[in-house]
Amino acid sequence: REFFVCMRITDWIHILGLAVLGTAFYSYSALFTPHALLGLGVAALYLAHGFSLNNYFDLVIDQYINKSYLPPRQVSYKKFLAFSYALFSGNCFLAYLISVKLLGLVVLGSILALIYSAPPLRLKRFTYLNIILNSAGFAVIFLIGFIAVSGYISSAGLMMSALFGLIFIPLQIVHQISHAEDDKIENILTVFNRYGLKQ
């Protein structure tokens, strides 16, 4: 049960809508095909791995163990990390069954999550890279839905994915405001903690 808590499913399940939009952008008739459902599964595992990997480094590197989505001492950190990469491995297999391009997106997403969360880079510490990498990671989900049914990457699909990435930028700032205190404790220099709000 604790592993599912660690994945923070309730924090990202709504983002799966981007994969559905990606599928619909290619073709409405593809929405209920097996490849569309497999693509949705790939998107879910992609998000579960990214969120759990980020949580692992937040908790272990920053030694900040009082978050509600990881009850202290109930889950071994090493098992938690192994679980995250088990999700990634399973997702690689699932993506490969659909297309090599989709597998490439899954690997790209894992790399983004790693450089975002893990030392020595841990780019989430830097104000603008935090926003850009998060937005890019979410934009990939649209492409997952698109490629799952199309089998290719088109310029139109890339432009729509980039548009969703841009839309996520202000949403990221709103998210940072709501988590400002936690980020300050973890020494993460978000837009809010860097510039604050004028009273």
C-alpha atoms as a PDB file:
ATOM      1  CA  ARG A   1       0.000   0.000   0.000  1.00  0.00           C
ATOM      2  CA  GLU A   2       2.824   2.410   0.885  1.00  0.00           C
ATOM      3  CA  PHE A   3       4.302   2.120  -2.612  1.00  0.00           C
ATOM      4  CA  PHE A   4       1.061   3.386  -4.116  1.00  0.00           C
ATOM      5  CA  VAL A   5       1.030   6.256  -1.643  1.00  0.00           C
ATOM      6  CA  CYS A   6       4.579   7.115  -2.712  1.00  0.00           C
ATOM      7  CA  MET A   7       3.543   7.377  -6.362  1.00  0.00           C
ATOM      8  CA  ARG A   8       1.139  10.244  -5.473  1.00  0.00           C
ATOM      9  CA  ILE A   9      -1.393   9.058  -8.036  1.00  0.00           C
ATOM     10  CA  THR A  10      -3.944  11.676  -7.029  1.00  0.00           C
ATOM     11  CA  ASP A  11      -1.431  14.416  -7.895  1.00  0.00           C
ATOM     12  CA  TRP A  12      -1.059  13.388 -11.530  1.00  0.00           C
ATOM     13  CA  ILE A  13      -4.008  11.266 -12.637  1.00  0.00           C
ATOM     14  CA  HIS A  14      -5.720  14.291 -14.195  1.00  0.00           C
ATOM     15  CA  ILE A  15      -2.608  14.950 -16.325  1.00  0.00           C
ATOM     16  CA  LEU A  16      -3.353  11.738 -18.222  1.00  0.00           C
ATOM     17  CA  GLY A  17      -5.857  13.877 -20.110  1.00  0.00           C
ATOM     18  CA  LEU A  18      -2.901  15.140 -22.141  1.00  0.00           C
ATOM     19  CA  ALA A  19      -2.336  11.650 -23.548  1.00  0.00           C
ATOM     20  CA  VAL A  20      -6.026  11.460 -24.473  1.00  0.00           C
ATOM     21  CA  LEU A  21      -5.734  14.845 -26.204  1.00  0.00           C
ATOM     22  CA  GLY A  22      -2.664  13.620 -28.071  1.00  0.00           C
ATOM     23  CA  THR A  23      -4.618  10.619 -29.331  1.00  0.00           C
ATOM     24  CA  ALA A  24      -7.622  12.746 -30.290  1.00  0.00           C
ATOM     25  CA  PHE A  25      -5.361  15.242 -32.066  1.00  0.00           C
ATOM     26  CA  TYR A  26      -4.245  12.457 -34.373  1.00  0.00           C
ATOM     27  CA  SER A  27      -7.717  10.980 -34.845  1.00  0.00           C
ATOM     28  CA  TYR A  28     -10.937  10.911 -32.813  1.00  0.00           C
ATOM     29  CA  SER A  29     -11.625   7.445 -34.190  1.00  0.00           C
ATOM     30  CA  ALA A  30      -8.427   6.184 -32.528  1.00  0.00           C
ATOM     31  CA  LEU A  31      -9.567   7.058 -28.999  1.00  0.00           C
ATOM     32  CA  PHE A  32     -10.904   3.601 -28.132  1.00  0.00           C
ATOM     33  CA  THR A  33      -8.378   1.484 -29.982  1.00  0.00           C
ATOM     34  CA  PRO A  34      -5.999  -0.927 -28.196  1.00  0.00           C
ATOM     35  CA  HIS A  35      -3.028   1.307 -29.014  1.00  0.00           C
ATOM     36  CA  ALA A  36      -4.753   4.296 -27.423  1.00  0.00           C
ATOM     37  CA  LEU A  37      -5.342   2.317 -24.215  1.00  0.00           C
ATOM     38  CA  LEU A  38      -1.756   1.070 -24.228  1.00  0.00           C
ATOM     39  CA  GLY A  39      -0.571   4.654 -24.722  1.00  0.00           C
ATOM     40  CA  LEU A  40      -2.605   5.713 -21.702  1.00  0.00           C
ATOM     41  CA  GLY A  41      -0.895   2.964 -19.708  1.00  0.00           C
ATOM     42  CA  VAL A  42       2.513   4.188 -20.876  1.00  0.00           C
ATOM     43  CA  ALA A  43       1.612   7.741 -19.830  1.00  0.00           C
ATOM     44  CA  ALA A  44       0.478   6.552 -16.383  1.00  0.00           C
ATOM     45  CA  LEU A  45       3.696   4.589 -15.772  1.00  0.00           C
ATOM     46  CA  TYR A  46       5.726   7.538 -17.108  1.00  0.00           C
ATOM     47  CA  LEU A  47       4.148   9.844 -14.514  1.00  0.00           C
ATOM     48  CA  ALA A  48       4.349   7.277 -11.698  1.00  0.00           C
ATOM     49  CA  HIS A  49       8.079   6.809 -12.312  1.00  0.00           C
ATOM     50  CA  GLY A  50       8.785  10.546 -12.605  1.00  0.00           C
ATOM     51  CA  PHE A  51       6.885  11.481  -9.446  1.00  0.00           C
ATOM     52  CA  SER A  52       8.277   8.606  -7.380  1.00  0.00           C
ATOM     53  CA  LEU A  53      11.849   9.316  -8.522  1.00  0.00           C
ATOM     54  CA  ASN A  54      11.474  12.976  -7.583  1.00  0.00           C
ATOM     55  CA  ASN A  55      10.055  12.016  -4.191  1.00  0.00           C
ATOM     56  CA  TYR A  56      12.941   9.655  -3.544  1.00  0.00           C
ATOM     57  CA  PHE A  57      15.561  12.362  -4.006  1.00  0.00           C
ATOM     58  CA  ASP A  58      13.488  14.924  -2.090  1.00  0.00           C
ATOM     59  CA  LEU A  59      13.298  12.575   0.858  1.00  0.00           C
ATOM     60  CA  VAL A  60      16.779  11.080   0.841  1.00  0.00           C
ATOM     61  CA  ILE A  61      18.964  13.904  -0.470  1.00  0.00           C
ATOM     62  CA  ASP A  62      17.211  16.645   1.447  1.00  0.00           C
ATOM     63  CA  GLN A  63      16.462  14.344   4.391  1.00  0.00           C
ATOM     64  CA  TYR A  64      12.961  15.707   4.554  1.00  0.00           C
ATOM     65  CA  ILE A  65      10.758  12.853   5.739  1.00  0.00           C
ATOM     66  CA  ASN A  66       7.564  14.516   6.983  1.00  0.00           C
ATOM     67  CA  LYS A  67       5.588  14.515   3.755  1.00  0.00           C
ATOM     68  CA  SER A  68       2.216  12.829   3.751  1.00  0.00           C
ATOM     69  CA  TYR A  69       2.912  10.802   0.620  1.00  0.00           C
ATOM     70  CA  LEU A  70       5.736   8.802   2.235  1.00  0.00           C
ATOM     71  CA  PRO A  71       4.962   7.696   5.808  1.00  0.00           C
ATOM     72  CA  PRO A  72       8.272   7.760   7.749  1.00  0.00           C
ATOM     73  CA  ARG A  73      10.041   4.429   8.222  1.00  0.00           C
ATOM     74  CA  GLN A  74       7.266   2.396   6.548  1.00  0.00           C
ATOM     75  CA  VAL A  75       9.113   2.050   3.242  1.00  0.00           C
ATOM     76  CA  SER A  76      12.805   1.310   2.738  1.00  0.00           C
ATOM     77  CA  TYR A  77      14.323   4.064   0.589  1.00  0.00           C
ATOM     78  CA  LYS A  78      16.271   1.511  -1.458  1.00  0.00           C
ATOM     79  CA  LYS A  79      13.115  -0.495  -2.089  1.00  0.00           C
ATOM     80  CA  PHE A  80      11.341   2.733  -3.013  1.00  0.00           C
ATOM     81  CA  LEU A  81      14.003   3.543  -5.616  1.00  0.00           C
ATOM     82  CA  ALA A  82      13.957  -0.030  -6.930  1.00  0.00           C
ATOM     83  CA  PHE A  83      10.177   0.196  -7.234  1.00  0.00           C
ATOM     84  CA  SER A  84      10.453   3.429  -9.239  1.00  0.00           C
ATOM     85  CA  TYR A  85      12.864   1.843 -11.693  1.00  0.00           C
ATOM     86  CA  ALA A  86      10.727  -1.296 -11.880  1.00  0.00           C
ATOM     87  CA  LEU A  87       7.943   0.999 -13.105  1.00  0.00           C
ATOM     88  CA  PHE A  88      10.364   2.463 -15.634  1.00  0.00           C
ATOM     89  CA  SER A  89      11.511  -0.960 -16.857  1.00  0.00           C
ATOM     90  CA  GLY A  90       7.941  -2.163 -17.270  1.00  0.00           C
ATOM     91  CA  ASN A  91       7.085   1.005 -19.121  1.00  0.00           C
ATOM     92  CA  CYS A  92      10.026   0.571 -21.492  1.00  0.00           C
ATOM     93  CA  PHE A  93       8.765  -2.891 -22.370  1.00  0.00           C
ATOM     94  CA  LEU A  94       5.201  -1.656 -22.887  1.00  0.00           C
ATOM     95  CA  ALA A  95       6.346   1.290 -24.994  1.00  0.00           C
ATOM     96  CA  TYR A  96       8.576  -0.939 -27.129  1.00  0.00           C
ATOM     97  CA  LEU A  97       5.578  -3.133 -27.932  1.00  0.00           C
ATOM     98  CA  ILE A  98       3.954  -0.064 -29.500  1.00  0.00           C
ATOM     99  CA  SER A  99       6.911   1.618 -31.229  1.00  0.00           C
ATOM    100  CA  VAL A 100      10.608   2.396 -30.846  1.00  0.00           C
ATOM    101  CA  LYS A 101       9.796   6.127 -30.973  1.00  0.00           C
ATOM    102  CA  LEU A 102       7.532   5.750 -27.960  1.00  0.00           C
ATOM    103  CA  LEU A 103      10.298   3.900 -26.132  1.00  0.00           C
ATOM    104  CA  GLY A 104      12.584   6.857 -26.902  1.00  0.00           C
ATOM    105  CA  LEU A 105      10.080   9.240 -25.307  1.00  0.00           C
ATOM    106  CA  VAL A 106       9.877   7.116 -22.162  1.00  0.00           C
ATOM    107  CA  VAL A 107      13.671   7.079 -21.855  1.00  0.00           C
ATOM    108  CA  LEU A 108      13.800  10.845 -22.499  1.00  0.00           C
ATOM    109  CA  GLY A 109      11.238  11.399 -19.748  1.00  0.00           C
ATOM    110  CA  SER A 110      13.267   9.340 -17.278  1.00  0.00           C
ATOM    111  CA  ILE A 111      16.404  11.331 -18.121  1.00  0.00           C
ATOM    112  CA  LEU A 112      14.497  14.592 -17.594  1.00  0.00           C
ATOM    113  CA  ALA A 113      13.238  13.324 -14.225  1.00  0.00           C
ATOM    114  CA  LEU A 114      16.755  12.284 -13.205  1.00  0.00           C
ATOM    115  CA  ILE A 115      18.516  15.560 -14.046  1.00  0.00           C
ATOM    116  CA  TYR A 116      15.589  17.443 -12.514  1.00  0.00           C
ATOM    117  CA  SER A 117      15.752  15.606  -9.189  1.00  0.00           C
ATOM    118  CA  ALA A 118      19.116  13.922  -8.707  1.00  0.00           C
ATOM    119  CA  PRO A 119      22.549  15.258  -7.771  1.00  0.00           C
ATOM    120  CA  PRO A 120      24.962  16.435  -8.920  1.00  0.00           C
ATOM    121  CA  LEU A 121      22.731  18.456 -11.262  1.00  0.00           C
ATOM    122  CA  ARG A 122      19.394  18.516  -9.352  1.00  0.00           C
ATOM    123  CA  LEU A 123      18.157  21.262 -11.667  1.00  0.00           C
ATOM    124  CA  LYS A 124      14.933  21.746  -9.720  1.00  0.00           C
ATOM    125  CA  ARG A 125      17.003  23.938  -7.371  1.00  0.00           C
ATOM    126  CA  PHE A 126      17.222  26.609 -10.061  1.00  0.00           C
ATOM    127  CA  THR A 127      14.269  28.889 -10.564  1.00  0.00           C
ATOM    128  CA  TYR A 128      13.777  28.836 -14.325  1.00  0.00           C
ATOM    129  CA  LEU A 129      15.137  25.355 -15.033  1.00  0.00           C
ATOM    130  CA  ASN A 130      12.666  24.017 -12.478  1.00  0.00           C
ATOM    131  CA  ILE A 131       9.753  25.414 -14.480  1.00  0.00           C
ATOM    132  CA  ILE A 132      11.142  24.589 -17.928  1.00  0.00           C
ATOM    133  CA  LEU A 133      11.989  20.958 -17.145  1.00  0.00           C
ATOM    134  CA  ASN A 134       8.674  20.314 -15.415  1.00  0.00           C
ATOM    135  CA  SER A 135       6.735  21.809 -18.296  1.00  0.00           C
ATOM    136  CA  ALA A 136       8.787  19.847 -20.845  1.00  0.00           C
ATOM    137  CA  GLY A 137       8.176  16.628 -18.926  1.00  0.00           C
ATOM    138  CA  PHE A 138       4.427  17.183 -18.977  1.00  0.00           C
ATOM    139  CA  ALA A 139       4.456  18.170 -22.662  1.00  0.00           C
ATOM    140  CA  VAL A 140       5.927  14.755 -23.477  1.00  0.00           C
ATOM    141  CA  ILE A 141       2.673  13.145 -22.298  1.00  0.00           C
ATOM    142  CA  PHE A 142       0.781  14.700 -25.211  1.00  0.00           C
ATOM    143  CA  LEU A 143       3.318  13.147 -27.581  1.00  0.00           C
ATOM    144  CA  ILE A 144       2.935   9.765 -25.888  1.00  0.00           C
ATOM    145  CA  GLY A 145      -0.769   9.763 -26.722  1.00  0.00           C
ATOM    146  CA  PHE A 146      -0.079  10.980 -30.254  1.00  0.00           C
ATOM    147  CA  ILE A 147       2.688   8.509 -31.091  1.00  0.00           C
ATOM    148  CA  ALA A 148       0.874   5.555 -29.502  1.00  0.00           C
ATOM    149  CA  VAL A 149      -1.741   5.686 -32.263  1.00  0.00           C
ATOM    150  CA  SER A 150       0.157   7.337 -35.123  1.00  0.00           C
ATOM    151  CA  GLY A 151       3.506   5.577 -34.874  1.00  0.00           C
ATOM    152  CA  TYR A 152       5.378   8.726 -35.892  1.00  0.00           C
ATOM    153  CA  ILE A 153       6.224  12.260 -34.734  1.00  0.00           C
ATOM    154  CA  SER A 154       4.822  15.061 -36.898  1.00  0.00           C
ATOM    155  CA  SER A 155       5.619  18.769 -36.879  1.00  0.00           C
ATOM    156  CA  ALA A 156       1.989  19.480 -35.931  1.00  0.00           C
ATOM    157  CA  GLY A 157       2.245  17.079 -32.986  1.00  0.00           C
ATOM    158  CA  LEU A 158       5.483  18.688 -31.821  1.00  0.00           C
ATOM    159  CA  MET A 159       3.968  22.175 -32.034  1.00  0.00           C
ATOM    160  CA  MET A 160       0.898  21.157 -30.036  1.00  0.00           C
ATOM    161  CA  SER A 161       3.133  19.490 -27.448  1.00  0.00           C
ATOM    162  CA  ALA A 162       5.196  22.691 -27.208  1.00  0.00           C
ATOM    163  CA  LEU A 163       1.977  24.693 -26.789  1.00  0.00           C
ATOM    164  CA  PHE A 164       0.933  22.538 -23.835  1.00  0.00           C
ATOM    165  CA  GLY A 165       4.421  22.962 -22.395  1.00  0.00           C
ATOM    166  CA  LEU A 166       3.948  26.737 -22.514  1.00  0.00           C
ATOM    167  CA  ILE A 167       0.505  26.444 -20.925  1.00  0.00           C
ATOM    168  CA  PHE A 168       2.042  24.513 -18.033  1.00  0.00           C
ATOM    169  CA  ILE A 169       4.461  27.344 -17.179  1.00  0.00           C
ATOM    170  CA  PRO A 170       1.918  29.561 -15.338  1.00  0.00           C
ATOM    171  CA  LEU A 171       0.357  26.436 -13.820  1.00  0.00           C
ATOM    172  CA  GLN A 172       3.783  25.508 -12.455  1.00  0.00           C
ATOM    173  CA  ILE A 173       4.100  28.924 -10.818  1.00  0.00           C
ATOM    174  CA  VAL A 174       0.692  28.473  -9.150  1.00  0.00           C
ATOM    175  CA  HIS A 175       1.836  25.049  -7.939  1.00  0.00           C
ATOM    176  CA  GLN A 176       5.030  26.581  -6.528  1.00  0.00           C
ATOM    177  CA  ILE A 177       3.031  29.166  -4.585  1.00  0.00           C
ATOM    178  CA  SER A 178       0.941  26.429  -2.958  1.00  0.00           C
ATOM    179  CA  HIS A 179       4.125  24.509  -1.967  1.00  0.00           C
ATOM    180  CA  ALA A 180       6.255  27.523  -1.053  1.00  0.00           C
ATOM    181  CA  GLU A 181       6.941  26.510   2.552  1.00  0.00           C
ATOM    182  CA  ASP A 182       8.025  22.954   1.690  1.00  0.00           C
ATOM    183  CA  ASP A 183      10.257  24.240  -1.114  1.00  0.00           C
ATOM    184  CA  LYS A 184      11.888  26.759   1.222  1.00  0.00           C
ATOM    185  CA  ILE A 185      12.702  24.004   3.717  1.00  0.00           C
ATOM    186  CA  GLU A 186      14.225  21.938   0.895  1.00  0.00           C
ATOM    187  CA  ASN A 187      16.251  24.925  -0.336  1.00  0.00           C
ATOM    188  CA  ILE A 188      14.525  24.889  -3.744  1.00  0.00           C
ATOM    189  CA  LEU A 189      14.670  28.339  -5.319  1.00  0.00           C
ATOM    190  CA  THR A 190      11.263  28.584  -6.966  1.00  0.00           C
ATOM    191  CA  VAL A 191       9.871  31.749  -8.550  1.00  0.00           C
ATOM    192  CA  PHE A 192       7.811  32.421  -5.423  1.00  0.00           C
ATOM    193  CA  ASN A 193      10.668  31.893  -2.976  1.00  0.00           C
ATOM    194  CA  ARG A 194      13.041  33.927  -5.111  1.00  0.00           C
ATOM    195  CA  TYR A 195      10.826  36.945  -5.738  1.00  0.00           C
ATOM    196  CA  GLY A 196       8.002  36.547  -3.189  1.00  0.00           C
ATOM    197  CA  LEU A 197       4.754  38.436  -3.282  1.00  0.00           C
ATOM    198  CA  LYS A 198       4.373  42.134  -2.662  1.00  0.00           C
ATOM    199  CA  GLN A 199       2.150  42.945   0.249  1.00  0.00           C
END
